[in-house]
Amino acid sequence: MAKPITTIEKHIPTPEEAKNQKLEELTSLLANNDAALNQTIDIIKELHASGLLEAAHSALKAKEKIAKIAVGQVSREPAKNIINNLMSATGLLANMDPEVMTKLIGSLSTGIQQGNEHLQSDKTIGMLDLLKVLKDPDVNRAIGFGIQFLKGLGKGLNE
């Protein structure tokens, strides 16, 4: 009868065996991914030829100095104002209905185009022209929008 197994011997590879196994895995990876490797090398060559690789390397070496300059620039008052204004504008845009905003921007574009055409004509506008134009539904709509906009703006400024 056979002897019972009382100990399990675990095979621990020698440093040389581990190194050879890693080299075999690397060789297999290189062989299986030669197209990707060639493309990566081409990209690195282009970056080197254009000087971008050296610039990136220099930027990485000077990362602490660059970070210090960036933080100094961002902490200046004008940069703080820009960041605060962008955050406020983002909040405003987030609260607006996208369909209304699209319509308003399209209308603004049309208005600018027509205003530019008027500038090209050198035509003067008299008092009678102003009274006549008030009956135009498009002008009346725009004036009504403007008046209501100004009312809302005034309410907002009063708060």
N, C-alpha and C. Protein backbone atom coordinates (compact mmCIF):
# COMPACT_ATOMS: atom_id res chain seq x y z
N MET A 1 0.82 -1.15 0.00
CA MET A 1 0.00 0.00 0.00
C MET A 1 0.89 1.24 0.00
N ALA A 2 0.38 2.32 -0.66
CA ALA A 2 1.18 3.53 -0.78
C ALA A 2 1.15 4.34 0.50
N LYS A 3 2.18 5.11 0.66
CA LYS A 3 2.25 5.97 1.83
C LYS A 3 1.31 7.17 1.67
N PRO A 4 0.64 7.59 2.69
CA PRO A 4 -0.20 8.79 2.58
C PRO A 4 0.67 10.04 2.44
N ILE A 5 0.12 11.02 1.72
CA ILE A 5 0.84 12.30 1.53
C ILE A 5 0.67 13.10 2.81
N THR A 6 1.79 13.46 3.39
CA THR A 6 1.73 14.22 4.63
C THR A 6 2.22 15.66 4.44
N THR A 7 2.96 15.90 3.39
CA THR A 7 3.44 17.26 3.13
C THR A 7 3.25 17.56 1.65
N ILE A 8 3.00 18.83 1.35
CA ILE A 8 2.88 19.27 -0.04
C ILE A 8 4.07 20.18 -0.30
N GLU A 9 4.80 19.80 -1.31
CA GLU A 9 5.96 20.61 -1.67
C GLU A 9 5.56 21.58 -2.77
N LYS A 10 5.70 22.84 -2.49
CA LYS A 10 5.37 23.87 -3.46
C LYS A 10 6.64 24.22 -4.22
N HIS A 11 6.49 24.24 -5.57
CA HIS A 11 7.65 24.56 -6.40
C HIS A 11 7.80 26.08 -6.47
N ILE A 12 8.84 26.58 -5.91
CA ILE A 12 9.14 28.01 -5.96
C ILE A 12 10.21 28.19 -7.03
N PRO A 13 9.87 28.93 -8.09
CA PRO A 13 10.86 29.09 -9.17
C PRO A 13 12.06 29.91 -8.70
N THR A 14 13.18 29.55 -9.24
CA THR A 14 14.40 30.30 -8.93
C THR A 14 14.31 31.65 -9.63
N PRO A 15 15.09 32.61 -9.22
CA PRO A 15 15.06 33.92 -9.89
C PRO A 15 15.33 33.79 -11.40
N GLU A 16 16.18 32.87 -11.77
CA GLU A 16 16.49 32.66 -13.19
C GLU A 16 15.27 32.11 -13.93
N GLU A 17 14.55 31.16 -13.31
CA GLU A 17 13.35 30.59 -13.93
C GLU A 17 12.26 31.66 -14.06
N ALA A 18 12.08 32.48 -13.03
CA ALA A 18 11.09 33.55 -13.07
C ALA A 18 11.42 34.55 -14.18
N LYS A 19 12.70 34.87 -14.32
CA LYS A 19 13.13 35.80 -15.35
C LYS A 19 12.85 35.22 -16.73
N ASN A 20 13.17 33.94 -16.93
CA ASN A 20 12.92 33.29 -18.22
C ASN A 20 11.42 33.24 -18.54
N GLN A 21 10.60 32.98 -17.53
CA GLN A 21 9.15 32.92 -17.75
C GLN A 21 8.63 34.30 -18.17
N LYS A 22 9.11 35.35 -17.52
CA LYS A 22 8.68 36.71 -17.88
C LYS A 22 9.14 37.07 -19.29
N LEU A 23 10.34 36.65 -19.65
CA LEU A 23 10.83 36.91 -21.01
C LEU A 23 9.99 36.18 -22.05
N GLU A 24 9.58 34.97 -21.75
CA GLU A 24 8.72 34.22 -22.67
C GLU A 24 7.36 34.90 -22.83
N GLU A 25 6.80 35.38 -21.72
CA GLU A 25 5.51 36.09 -21.78
C GLU A 25 5.64 37.37 -22.59
N LEU A 26 6.73 38.10 -22.40
CA LEU A 26 6.96 39.34 -23.13
C LEU A 26 7.14 39.06 -24.62
N THR A 27 7.89 38.03 -24.95
CA THR A 27 8.09 37.65 -26.35
C THR A 27 6.76 37.29 -27.00
N SER A 28 5.93 36.56 -26.28
CA SER A 28 4.61 36.19 -26.79
C SER A 28 3.75 37.43 -27.02
N LEU A 29 3.76 38.37 -26.07
CA LEU A 29 3.00 39.62 -26.22
C LEU A 29 3.47 40.41 -27.43
N LEU A 30 4.78 40.51 -27.61
CA LEU A 30 5.33 41.24 -28.74
C LEU A 30 4.93 40.60 -30.06
N ALA A 31 4.98 39.28 -30.11
CA ALA A 31 4.63 38.56 -31.34
C ALA A 31 3.14 38.71 -31.65
N ASN A 32 2.29 38.70 -30.64
CA ASN A 32 0.85 38.77 -30.87
C ASN A 32 0.36 40.20 -31.15
N ASN A 33 1.14 41.20 -30.78
CA ASN A 33 0.70 42.59 -30.93
C ASN A 33 1.68 43.42 -31.74
N ASP A 34 2.25 42.84 -32.77
CA ASP A 34 3.29 43.53 -33.53
C ASP A 34 2.75 44.77 -34.25
N ALA A 35 1.51 44.72 -34.77
CA ALA A 35 0.95 45.88 -35.49
C ALA A 35 0.77 47.06 -34.53
N ALA A 36 0.22 46.79 -33.36
CA ALA A 36 0.03 47.86 -32.38
C ALA A 36 1.36 48.42 -31.90
N LEU A 37 2.33 47.55 -31.72
CA LEU A 37 3.65 47.98 -31.28
C LEU A 37 4.32 48.85 -32.35
N ASN A 38 4.21 48.44 -33.61
CA ASN A 38 4.79 49.24 -34.70
C ASN A 38 4.12 50.61 -34.79
N GLN A 39 2.81 50.65 -34.63
CA GLN A 39 2.09 51.92 -34.66
C GLN A 39 2.51 52.82 -33.49
N THR A 40 2.68 52.24 -32.32
CA THR A 40 3.12 53.00 -31.15
C THR A 40 4.51 53.58 -31.38
N ILE A 41 5.38 52.80 -31.95
CA ILE A 41 6.74 53.27 -32.24
C ILE A 41 6.70 54.40 -33.26
N ASP A 42 5.82 54.27 -34.29
CA ASP A 42 5.68 55.34 -35.28
C ASP A 42 5.21 56.64 -34.63
N ILE A 43 4.26 56.53 -33.70
CA ILE A 43 3.76 57.72 -32.99
C ILE A 43 4.88 58.37 -32.19
N ILE A 44 5.65 57.57 -31.51
CA ILE A 44 6.76 58.09 -30.70
C ILE A 44 7.80 58.75 -31.60
N LYS A 45 8.06 58.16 -32.77
CA LYS A 45 9.00 58.77 -33.73
C LYS A 45 8.50 60.14 -34.17
N GLU A 46 7.20 60.24 -34.49
CA GLU A 46 6.63 61.53 -34.92
C GLU A 46 6.70 62.56 -33.79
N LEU A 47 6.40 62.15 -32.58
CA LEU A 47 6.48 63.06 -31.44
C LEU A 47 7.92 63.55 -31.25
N HIS A 48 8.87 62.65 -31.44
CA HIS A 48 10.28 63.01 -31.30
C HIS A 48 10.70 63.98 -32.41
N ALA A 49 10.29 63.67 -33.64
CA ALA A 49 10.67 64.50 -34.78
C ALA A 49 10.09 65.91 -34.67
N SER A 50 8.88 66.03 -34.12
CA SER A 50 8.25 67.35 -34.02
C SER A 50 8.71 68.12 -32.78
N GLY A 51 9.43 67.47 -31.89
CA GLY A 51 9.91 68.15 -30.68
C GLY A 51 8.94 68.06 -29.52
N LEU A 52 7.77 67.46 -29.75
CA LEU A 52 6.79 67.36 -28.68
C LEU A 52 7.21 66.39 -27.59
N LEU A 53 7.93 65.36 -27.97
CA LEU A 53 8.37 64.38 -26.98
C LEU A 53 9.35 65.04 -26.00
N GLU A 54 10.25 65.84 -26.53
CA GLU A 54 11.21 66.54 -25.67
C GLU A 54 10.49 67.56 -24.79
N ALA A 55 9.48 68.25 -25.36
CA ALA A 55 8.72 69.23 -24.59
C ALA A 55 7.96 68.55 -23.46
N ALA A 56 7.36 67.41 -23.76
CA ALA A 56 6.62 66.67 -22.72
C ALA A 56 7.58 66.19 -21.64
N HIS A 57 8.75 65.72 -22.05
CA HIS A 57 9.76 65.25 -21.09
C HIS A 57 10.21 66.40 -20.20
N SER A 58 10.46 67.55 -20.78
CA SER A 58 10.88 68.72 -20.00
C SER A 58 9.78 69.17 -19.05
N ALA A 59 8.52 69.12 -19.54
CA ALA A 59 7.39 69.51 -18.68
C ALA A 59 7.25 68.56 -17.50
N LEU A 60 7.50 67.28 -17.73
CA LEU A 60 7.43 66.31 -16.63
C LEU A 60 8.54 66.55 -15.62
N LYS A 61 9.72 66.92 -16.11
CA LYS A 61 10.83 67.22 -15.20
C LYS A 61 10.53 68.45 -14.34
N ALA A 62 9.86 69.43 -14.94
CA ALA A 62 9.60 70.69 -14.26
C ALA A 62 8.17 70.77 -13.73
N LYS A 63 7.57 69.64 -13.45
CA LYS A 63 6.15 69.62 -13.06
C LYS A 63 5.87 70.44 -11.81
N GLU A 64 6.76 70.46 -10.86
CA GLU A 64 6.53 71.23 -9.64
C GLU A 64 6.55 72.72 -9.92
N LYS A 65 7.48 73.16 -10.75
CA LYS A 65 7.56 74.59 -11.10
C LYS A 65 6.32 75.00 -11.91
N ILE A 66 5.91 74.14 -12.85
CA ILE A 66 4.74 74.44 -13.68
C ILE A 66 3.49 74.50 -12.81
N ALA A 67 3.36 73.55 -11.88
CA ALA A 67 2.18 73.55 -10.99
C ALA A 67 2.16 74.81 -10.13
N LYS A 68 3.32 75.24 -9.66
CA LYS A 68 3.40 76.44 -8.84
C LYS A 68 2.98 77.67 -9.65
N ILE A 69 3.42 77.77 -10.89
CA ILE A 69 3.05 78.89 -11.75
C ILE A 69 1.55 78.85 -12.05
N ALA A 70 1.03 77.66 -12.35
CA ALA A 70 -0.40 77.51 -12.67
C ALA A 70 -1.27 77.91 -11.48
N VAL A 71 -0.89 77.46 -10.30
CA VAL A 71 -1.66 77.81 -9.10
C VAL A 71 -1.57 79.32 -8.86
N GLY A 72 -0.41 79.90 -9.08
CA GLY A 72 -0.26 81.35 -8.93
C GLY A 72 -1.13 82.12 -9.90
N GLN A 73 -1.22 81.65 -11.14
CA GLN A 73 -2.04 82.33 -12.14
C GLN A 73 -3.53 82.17 -11.84
N VAL A 74 -3.94 80.99 -11.42
CA VAL A 74 -5.35 80.74 -11.13
C VAL A 74 -5.80 81.50 -9.89
N SER A 75 -4.90 81.73 -8.96
CA SER A 75 -5.29 82.41 -7.73
C SER A 75 -5.32 83.93 -7.87
N ARG A 76 -4.94 84.46 -9.04
CA ARG A 76 -5.03 85.91 -9.26
C ARG A 76 -6.49 86.32 -9.37
N GLU A 77 -6.77 87.57 -9.05
CA GLU A 77 -8.15 88.07 -9.04
C GLU A 77 -8.86 87.93 -10.39
N PRO A 78 -8.24 88.30 -11.53
CA PRO A 78 -8.96 88.13 -12.80
C PRO A 78 -9.33 86.67 -13.10
N ALA A 79 -8.45 85.75 -12.78
CA ALA A 79 -8.75 84.34 -13.02
C ALA A 79 -9.88 83.87 -12.12
N LYS A 80 -9.88 84.34 -10.87
CA LYS A 80 -10.99 83.99 -9.96
C LYS A 80 -12.31 84.52 -10.50
N ASN A 81 -12.28 85.75 -11.02
CA ASN A 81 -13.50 86.33 -11.58
C ASN A 81 -13.99 85.53 -12.78
N ILE A 82 -13.08 85.12 -13.64
CA ILE A 82 -13.46 84.32 -14.81
C ILE A 82 -14.11 83.01 -14.37
N ILE A 83 -13.51 82.35 -13.40
CA ILE A 83 -14.04 81.07 -12.92
C ILE A 83 -15.42 81.28 -12.30
N ASN A 84 -15.57 82.31 -11.47
CA ASN A 84 -16.87 82.58 -10.85
C ASN A 84 -17.92 82.94 -11.90
N ASN A 85 -17.54 83.73 -12.90
CA ASN A 85 -18.48 84.10 -13.96
C ASN A 85 -18.89 82.88 -14.79
N LEU A 86 -17.93 82.01 -15.07
CA LEU A 86 -18.25 80.79 -15.82
C LEU A 86 -19.20 79.90 -15.02
N MET A 87 -18.98 79.81 -13.72
CA MET A 87 -19.87 79.00 -12.89
C MET A 87 -21.27 79.61 -12.86
N SER A 88 -21.36 80.93 -12.77
CA SER A 88 -22.67 81.59 -12.78
C SER A 88 -23.37 81.39 -14.12
N ALA A 89 -22.62 81.55 -15.21
CA ALA A 89 -23.21 81.36 -16.55
C ALA A 89 -23.65 79.92 -16.74
N THR A 90 -22.88 78.98 -16.23
CA THR A 90 -23.27 77.57 -16.32
C THR A 90 -24.55 77.32 -15.54
N GLY A 91 -24.66 77.92 -14.37
CA GLY A 91 -25.88 77.78 -13.58
C GLY A 91 -27.08 78.38 -14.30
N LEU A 92 -26.89 79.53 -14.93
CA LEU A 92 -27.96 80.16 -15.70
C LEU A 92 -28.40 79.26 -16.85
N LEU A 93 -27.43 78.75 -17.59
CA LEU A 93 -27.76 77.88 -18.72
C LEU A 93 -28.42 76.59 -18.27
N ALA A 94 -28.04 76.09 -17.12
CA ALA A 94 -28.63 74.85 -16.61
C ALA A 94 -30.09 75.06 -16.25
N ASN A 95 -30.47 76.28 -15.85
CA ASN A 95 -31.85 76.56 -15.47
C ASN A 95 -32.75 76.91 -16.65
N MET A 96 -32.16 77.13 -17.83
CA MET A 96 -32.96 77.53 -18.98
C MET A 96 -33.41 76.32 -19.79
N ASP A 97 -34.60 76.45 -20.37
CA ASP A 97 -35.15 75.41 -21.24
C ASP A 97 -34.35 75.39 -22.55
N PRO A 98 -33.78 74.25 -22.93
CA PRO A 98 -32.95 74.19 -24.15
C PRO A 98 -33.70 74.60 -25.41
N GLU A 99 -34.99 74.28 -25.50
CA GLU A 99 -35.76 74.65 -26.70
C GLU A 99 -35.91 76.17 -26.79
N VAL A 100 -36.18 76.82 -25.66
CA VAL A 100 -36.32 78.27 -25.64
C VAL A 100 -34.97 78.91 -25.99
N MET A 101 -33.90 78.36 -25.45
CA MET A 101 -32.57 78.90 -25.72
C MET A 101 -32.22 78.77 -27.20
N THR A 102 -32.54 77.63 -27.80
CA THR A 102 -32.27 77.42 -29.23
C THR A 102 -33.06 78.41 -30.07
N LYS A 103 -34.33 78.60 -29.72
CA LYS A 103 -35.18 79.55 -30.45
C LYS A 103 -34.64 80.97 -30.31
N LEU A 104 -34.23 81.33 -29.10
CA LEU A 104 -33.72 82.67 -28.85
C LEU A 104 -32.43 82.93 -29.63
N ILE A 105 -31.54 81.95 -29.66
CA ILE A 105 -30.27 82.12 -30.39
C ILE A 105 -30.53 82.21 -31.89
N GLY A 106 -31.47 81.39 -32.39
CA GLY A 106 -31.82 81.47 -33.81
C GLY A 106 -32.42 82.82 -34.16
N SER A 107 -33.29 83.33 -33.29
CA SER A 107 -33.90 84.63 -33.51
C SER A 107 -32.86 85.74 -33.46
N LEU A 108 -31.93 85.61 -32.54
CA LEU A 108 -30.85 86.59 -32.43
C LEU A 108 -30.03 86.63 -33.71
N SER A 109 -29.75 85.47 -34.26
CA SER A 109 -28.98 85.39 -35.50
C SER A 109 -29.74 86.05 -36.65
N THR A 110 -31.03 85.77 -36.74
CA THR A 110 -31.85 86.38 -37.80
C THR A 110 -31.89 87.90 -37.63
N GLY A 111 -32.05 88.36 -36.39
CA GLY A 111 -32.09 89.80 -36.12
C GLY A 111 -30.78 90.48 -36.48
N ILE A 112 -29.68 89.85 -36.17
CA ILE A 112 -28.37 90.43 -36.53
C ILE A 112 -28.23 90.52 -38.04
N GLN A 113 -28.68 89.49 -38.73
CA GLN A 113 -28.59 89.48 -40.19
C GLN A 113 -29.43 90.62 -40.79
N GLN A 114 -30.67 90.79 -40.31
CA GLN A 114 -31.51 91.86 -40.83
C GLN A 114 -30.97 93.23 -40.45
N GLY A 115 -30.44 93.35 -39.24
CA GLY A 115 -29.84 94.62 -38.83
C GLY A 115 -28.65 94.97 -39.70
N ASN A 116 -27.85 93.98 -40.05
CA ASN A 116 -26.70 94.20 -40.92
C ASN A 116 -27.15 94.63 -42.32
N GLU A 117 -28.24 94.05 -42.81
CA GLU A 117 -28.77 94.45 -44.12
C GLU A 117 -29.21 95.91 -44.08
N HIS A 118 -29.82 96.34 -42.97
CA HIS A 118 -30.24 97.74 -42.84
C HIS A 118 -29.03 98.67 -42.85
N LEU A 119 -27.96 98.25 -42.20
CA LEU A 119 -26.75 99.08 -42.19
C LEU A 119 -26.19 99.27 -43.59
N GLN A 120 -26.36 98.27 -44.43
CA GLN A 120 -25.84 98.35 -45.80
C GLN A 120 -26.67 99.32 -46.66
N SER A 121 -27.94 99.53 -46.29
CA SER A 121 -28.83 100.32 -47.13
C SER A 121 -28.70 101.83 -46.91
N ASP A 122 -28.16 102.28 -45.82
CA ASP A 122 -28.03 103.71 -45.48
C ASP A 122 -29.38 104.42 -45.46
N LYS A 123 -30.47 103.71 -45.17
CA LYS A 123 -31.80 104.28 -45.11
C LYS A 123 -32.02 104.87 -43.72
N THR A 124 -32.56 106.08 -43.66
CA THR A 124 -32.86 106.69 -42.37
C THR A 124 -34.29 106.34 -41.96
N ILE A 125 -34.53 106.31 -40.65
CA ILE A 125 -35.84 105.97 -40.11
C ILE A 125 -36.42 107.21 -39.46
N GLY A 126 -37.63 107.59 -39.89
CA GLY A 126 -38.31 108.77 -39.35
C GLY A 126 -39.34 108.37 -38.31
N MET A 127 -40.01 109.35 -37.75
CA MET A 127 -41.01 109.11 -36.71
C MET A 127 -42.19 108.32 -37.25
N LEU A 128 -42.63 108.62 -38.47
CA LEU A 128 -43.75 107.88 -39.06
C LEU A 128 -43.36 106.42 -39.28
N ASP A 129 -42.10 106.19 -39.67
CA ASP A 129 -41.62 104.81 -39.85
C ASP A 129 -41.70 104.04 -38.54
N LEU A 130 -41.37 104.70 -37.43
CA LEU A 130 -41.44 104.04 -36.12
C LEU A 130 -42.88 103.69 -35.76
N LEU A 131 -43.80 104.59 -36.03
CA LEU A 131 -45.20 104.32 -35.73
C LEU A 131 -45.75 103.20 -36.60
N LYS A 132 -45.38 103.18 -37.87
CA LYS A 132 -45.83 102.12 -38.77
C LYS A 132 -45.29 100.76 -38.35
N VAL A 133 -44.04 100.75 -37.96
CA VAL A 133 -43.38 99.48 -37.65
C VAL A 133 -43.95 98.84 -36.38
N LEU A 134 -44.57 99.63 -35.52
CA LEU A 134 -45.18 99.07 -34.32
C LEU A 134 -46.34 98.14 -34.65
N LYS A 135 -46.96 98.32 -35.82
CA LYS A 135 -48.07 97.46 -36.23
C LYS A 135 -47.58 96.16 -36.84
N ASP A 136 -46.30 96.08 -37.16
CA ASP A 136 -45.72 94.84 -37.70
C ASP A 136 -45.71 93.78 -36.59
N PRO A 137 -46.33 92.61 -36.80
CA PRO A 137 -46.39 91.59 -35.74
C PRO A 137 -45.01 91.13 -35.24
N ASP A 138 -44.05 91.05 -36.14
CA ASP A 138 -42.71 90.62 -35.72
C ASP A 138 -42.07 91.64 -34.79
N VAL A 139 -42.18 92.92 -35.17
CA VAL A 139 -41.60 93.98 -34.35
C VAL A 139 -42.34 94.06 -33.02
N ASN A 140 -43.67 93.96 -33.07
CA ASN A 140 -44.47 94.02 -31.86
C ASN A 140 -44.11 92.88 -30.91
N ARG A 141 -43.90 91.69 -31.46
CA ARG A 141 -43.50 90.54 -30.65
C ARG A 141 -42.15 90.79 -29.99
N ALA A 142 -41.19 91.33 -30.77
CA ALA A 142 -39.86 91.59 -30.23
C ALA A 142 -39.90 92.67 -29.16
N ILE A 143 -40.70 93.73 -29.38
CA ILE A 143 -40.80 94.80 -28.40
C ILE A 143 -41.47 94.28 -27.13
N GLY A 144 -42.51 93.46 -27.29
CA GLY A 144 -43.16 92.86 -26.13
C GLY A 144 -42.19 91.99 -25.34
N PHE A 145 -41.42 91.19 -26.06
CA PHE A 145 -40.41 90.35 -25.41
C PHE A 145 -39.42 91.22 -24.66
N GLY A 146 -38.97 92.30 -25.31
CA GLY A 146 -37.98 93.18 -24.68
C GLY A 146 -38.53 93.85 -23.44
N ILE A 147 -39.79 94.29 -23.50
CA ILE A 147 -40.39 94.94 -22.33
C ILE A 147 -40.52 93.95 -21.17
N GLN A 148 -41.00 92.74 -21.47
CA GLN A 148 -41.14 91.74 -20.42
C GLN A 148 -39.77 91.32 -19.87
N PHE A 149 -38.78 91.26 -20.76
CA PHE A 149 -37.41 90.95 -20.33
C PHE A 149 -36.92 92.02 -19.35
N LEU A 150 -37.16 93.28 -19.71
CA LEU A 150 -36.73 94.38 -18.85
C LEU A 150 -37.47 94.37 -17.50
N LYS A 151 -38.77 94.00 -17.52
CA LYS A 151 -39.51 93.90 -16.27
C LYS A 151 -38.91 92.81 -15.38
N GLY A 152 -38.64 91.66 -15.97
CA GLY A 152 -38.04 90.57 -15.20
C GLY A 152 -36.67 90.93 -14.69
N LEU A 153 -35.89 91.61 -15.51
CA LEU A 153 -34.56 92.05 -15.11
C LEU A 153 -34.67 93.02 -13.92
N GLY A 154 -35.63 93.94 -14.00
CA GLY A 154 -35.83 94.88 -12.90
C GLY A 154 -36.22 94.18 -11.62
N LYS A 155 -37.12 93.18 -11.71
CA LYS A 155 -37.52 92.42 -10.52
C LYS A 155 -36.31 91.71 -9.93
N GLY A 156 -35.51 91.11 -10.80
CA GLY A 156 -34.33 90.42 -10.31
C GLY A 156 -33.33 91.35 -9.66
N LEU A 157 -33.20 92.56 -10.17
CA LEU A 157 -32.26 93.52 -9.59
C LEU A 157 -32.78 94.07 -8.26
N ASN A 158 -34.10 94.07 -8.08
CA ASN A 158 -34.70 94.58 -6.85
C ASN A 158 -34.53 93.60 -5.69
N GLU A 159 -34.37 92.32 -5.97
CA GLU A 159 -34.28 91.31 -4.91
C GLU A 159 -32.95 91.32 -4.20
